[in-house]
Amino acid sequence: MILKKGEKIHVIHRRHFEAEARRHFVGTVEYYENGLARVSGHVFAVDKSKYAFVRRPELRTRIISLSSGDLLVNIIPAEVDLTKVHYKMENKVTRVTDGADWHLDLSELAWQ
């Protein structure tokens, strides 16, 4: 099985247009079957006034298709506390981190 119940993921929605919003999702897999996953977590979007990713406060449940070609999905280690996940710029690299040991560099996707 590609994704397992309880697995933590970081999802990047591909943009089709330059002006389209940058959206990421961090959450937990509730169910997976035939390329579709039901996930719950939080959306992160760019706040243009701060030029930074911010976490939307409301919990969301989504159905995502792994076969759509519109998503980049990263597996987050089980020990990461998703409530502590945030984005920060470090040496001109966008980094997703829990503020402890885990981080994911998004330099190939940076907007600068």
C-alpha atoms as a PDB file:
ATOM      1  CA  MET A   1       0.000   0.000   0.000  1.00  0.00           C
ATOM      2  CA  ILE A   2       1.374   3.411  -0.978  1.00  0.00           C
ATOM      3  CA  LEU A   3      -0.083   5.275   2.044  1.00  0.00           C
ATOM      4  CA  LYS A   4      -1.100   3.851   5.395  1.00  0.00           C
ATOM      5  CA  LYS A   5      -3.700   5.014   7.897  1.00  0.00           C
ATOM      6  CA  GLY A   6      -2.061   7.329  10.415  1.00  0.00           C
ATOM      7  CA  GLU A   7       0.835   8.261   8.137  1.00  0.00           C
ATOM      8  CA  LYS A   8       1.749  11.966   8.172  1.00  0.00           C
ATOM      9  CA  ILE A   9       2.130  13.816   4.888  1.00  0.00           C
ATOM     10  CA  HIS A  10       3.134  17.175   3.431  1.00  0.00           C
ATOM     11  CA  VAL A  11       1.343  17.984   0.157  1.00  0.00           C
ATOM     12  CA  ILE A  12       2.286  20.645  -2.359  1.00  0.00           C
ATOM     13  CA  HIS A  13      -0.409  21.628  -4.841  1.00  0.00           C
ATOM     14  CA  ARG A  14       1.132  22.343  -8.238  1.00  0.00           C
ATOM     15  CA  ARG A  15       0.305  25.735  -9.657  1.00  0.00           C
ATOM     16  CA  HIS A  16      -0.933  25.933 -13.238  1.00  0.00           C
ATOM     17  CA  PHE A  17      -0.684  29.728 -13.522  1.00  0.00           C
ATOM     18  CA  GLU A  18       1.838  32.239 -12.171  1.00  0.00           C
ATOM     19  CA  ALA A  19      -0.835  34.205 -10.285  1.00  0.00           C
ATOM     20  CA  GLU A  20      -2.345  31.085  -8.700  1.00  0.00           C
ATOM     21  CA  ALA A  21      -2.041  30.854  -4.908  1.00  0.00           C
ATOM     22  CA  ARG A  22       0.685  28.683  -3.394  1.00  0.00           C
ATOM     23  CA  ARG A  23      -1.024  26.045  -1.265  1.00  0.00           C
ATOM     24  CA  HIS A  24       0.441  23.307   0.882  1.00  0.00           C
ATOM     25  CA  PHE A  25      -1.261  20.847   3.204  1.00  0.00           C
ATOM     26  CA  VAL A  26       0.087  19.053   6.283  1.00  0.00           C
ATOM     27  CA  GLY A  27      -1.975  16.268   7.786  1.00  0.00           C
ATOM     28  CA  THR A  28      -2.646  12.641   8.557  1.00  0.00           C
ATOM     29  CA  VAL A  29      -3.988   9.896   6.298  1.00  0.00           C
ATOM     30  CA  GLU A  30      -7.344   8.638   7.535  1.00  0.00           C
ATOM     31  CA  TYR A  31      -7.969   6.213   4.688  1.00  0.00           C
ATOM     32  CA  TYR A  32      -6.323   5.206   1.415  1.00  0.00           C
ATOM     33  CA  GLU A  33      -7.717   3.177  -1.483  1.00  0.00           C
ATOM     34  CA  ASN A  34      -6.904   2.941  -5.198  1.00  0.00           C
ATOM     35  CA  GLY A  35      -4.924   6.171  -5.435  1.00  0.00           C
ATOM     36  CA  LEU A  36      -7.342   8.255  -3.348  1.00  0.00           C
ATOM     37  CA  ALA A  37      -6.605   9.348   0.195  1.00  0.00           C
ATOM     38  CA  ARG A  38      -8.831  10.921   2.808  1.00  0.00           C
ATOM     39  CA  VAL A  39      -6.605  13.240   4.866  1.00  0.00           C
ATOM     40  CA  SER A  40      -7.177  15.628   7.765  1.00  0.00           C
ATOM     41  CA  GLY A  41      -4.935  18.513   8.682  1.00  0.00           C
ATOM     42  CA  HIS A  42      -4.158  22.142   7.934  1.00  0.00           C
ATOM     43  CA  VAL A  43      -3.681  24.231   4.821  1.00  0.00           C
ATOM     44  CA  PHE A  44      -0.655  26.504   4.576  1.00  0.00           C
ATOM     45  CA  ALA A  45      -0.906  29.386   2.126  1.00  0.00           C
ATOM     46  CA  VAL A  46       1.284  32.357   1.302  1.00  0.00           C
ATOM     47  CA  ASP A  47       0.359  35.582   3.048  1.00  0.00           C
ATOM     48  CA  LYS A  48       1.408  38.109   0.412  1.00  0.00           C
ATOM     49  CA  SER A  49       1.731  40.930   2.942  1.00  0.00           C
ATOM     50  CA  LYS A  50       4.314  38.924   4.917  1.00  0.00           C
ATOM     51  CA  TYR A  51       5.600  36.924   1.947  1.00  0.00           C
ATOM     52  CA  ALA A  52       5.506  33.843   4.147  1.00  0.00           C
ATOM     53  CA  PHE A  53       3.528  30.632   4.493  1.00  0.00           C
ATOM     54  CA  VAL A  54       0.919  30.792   7.238  1.00  0.00           C
ATOM     55  CA  ARG A  55      -1.150  28.001   8.710  1.00  0.00           C
ATOM     56  CA  ARG A  56      -4.909  28.324   8.379  1.00  0.00           C
ATOM     57  CA  PRO A  57      -6.429  27.680  11.815  1.00  0.00           C
ATOM     58  CA  GLU A  58      -9.342  25.474  10.793  1.00  0.00           C
ATOM     59  CA  LEU A  59      -8.903  21.701  10.553  1.00  0.00           C
ATOM     60  CA  ARG A  60      -9.775  20.418   7.082  1.00  0.00           C
ATOM     61  CA  THR A  61     -10.598  16.995   5.710  1.00  0.00           C
ATOM     62  CA  ARG A  62      -9.818  16.470   2.057  1.00  0.00           C
ATOM     63  CA  ILE A  63      -9.851  13.771  -0.554  1.00  0.00           C
ATOM     64  CA  ILE A  64      -6.667  13.830  -2.621  1.00  0.00           C
ATOM     65  CA  SER A  65      -5.781  11.892  -5.740  1.00  0.00           C
ATOM     66  CA  LEU A  66      -2.227  10.633  -5.941  1.00  0.00           C
ATOM     67  CA  SER A  67      -2.646   9.904  -9.642  1.00  0.00           C
ATOM     68  CA  SER A  68      -3.787  13.391 -10.662  1.00  0.00           C
ATOM     69  CA  GLY A  69      -0.285  14.717 -11.316  1.00  0.00           C
ATOM     70  CA  ASP A  70      -1.247  17.919  -9.489  1.00  0.00           C
ATOM     71  CA  LEU A  71       0.268  17.013  -6.111  1.00  0.00           C
ATOM     72  CA  LEU A  72       3.724  16.435  -4.711  1.00  0.00           C
ATOM     73  CA  VAL A  73       3.420  14.299  -1.587  1.00  0.00           C
ATOM     74  CA  ASN A  74       6.174  13.987   1.017  1.00  0.00           C
ATOM     75  CA  ILE A  75       6.013  11.508   3.885  1.00  0.00           C
ATOM     76  CA  ILE A  76       6.661  13.065   7.294  1.00  0.00           C
ATOM     77  CA  PRO A  77       8.302  10.889   9.967  1.00  0.00           C
ATOM     78  CA  ALA A  78       5.907   9.463  12.559  1.00  0.00           C
ATOM     79  CA  GLU A  79       7.616  11.229  15.469  1.00  0.00           C
ATOM     80  CA  VAL A  80       6.936  14.742  14.082  1.00  0.00           C
ATOM     81  CA  ASP A  81       4.320  16.726  16.016  1.00  0.00           C
ATOM     82  CA  LEU A  82       2.164  18.239  13.254  1.00  0.00           C
ATOM     83  CA  THR A  83       0.925  21.005  15.548  1.00  0.00           C
ATOM     84  CA  LYS A  84       4.471  22.389  15.599  1.00  0.00           C
ATOM     85  CA  VAL A  85       5.052  22.356  11.846  1.00  0.00           C
ATOM     86  CA  HIS A  86       5.812  25.775  10.380  1.00  0.00           C
ATOM     87  CA  TYR A  87       7.712  27.380   7.515  1.00  0.00           C
ATOM     88  CA  LYS A  88      10.792  29.537   7.756  1.00  0.00           C
ATOM     89  CA  MET A  89      13.374  31.044   5.446  1.00  0.00           C
ATOM     90  CA  GLU A  90      16.920  29.935   6.138  1.00  0.00           C
ATOM     91  CA  ASN A  91      19.779  31.058   3.881  1.00  0.00           C
ATOM     92  CA  LYS A  92      17.296  31.884   1.070  1.00  0.00           C
ATOM     93  CA  VAL A  93      15.827  28.388   1.288  1.00  0.00           C
ATOM     94  CA  THR A  94      12.217  27.732   2.264  1.00  0.00           C
ATOM     95  CA  ARG A  95      12.182  25.108   4.995  1.00  0.00           C
ATOM     96  CA  VAL A  96       9.273  23.225   6.560  1.00  0.00           C
ATOM     97  CA  THR A  97      10.165  22.203  10.107  1.00  0.00           C
ATOM     98  CA  ASP A  98       8.791  21.124  13.443  1.00  0.00           C
ATOM     99  CA  GLY A  99      11.359  23.345  15.173  1.00  0.00           C
ATOM    100  CA  ALA A 100      13.174  20.270  16.469  1.00  0.00           C
ATOM    101  CA  ASP A 101      15.038  17.641  14.453  1.00  0.00           C
ATOM    102  CA  TRP A 102      12.849  17.323  11.354  1.00  0.00           C
ATOM    103  CA  HIS A 103      12.892  19.623   8.353  1.00  0.00           C
ATOM    104  CA  LEU A 104      12.137  19.507   4.657  1.00  0.00           C
ATOM    105  CA  ASP A 105      13.973  21.907   2.363  1.00  0.00           C
ATOM    106  CA  LEU A 106      11.848  23.253  -0.463  1.00  0.00           C
ATOM    107  CA  SER A 107      14.628  25.120  -2.261  1.00  0.00           C
ATOM    108  CA  GLU A 108      13.666  23.722  -5.650  1.00  0.00           C
ATOM    109  CA  LEU A 109      10.224  25.199  -5.066  1.00  0.00           C
ATOM    110  CA  ALA A 110      11.259  28.507  -3.530  1.00  0.00           C
ATOM    111  CA  TRP A 111       9.632  31.635  -4.941  1.00  0.00           C
ATOM    112  CA  GLN A 112      12.824  33.718  -4.992  1.00  0.00           C
END
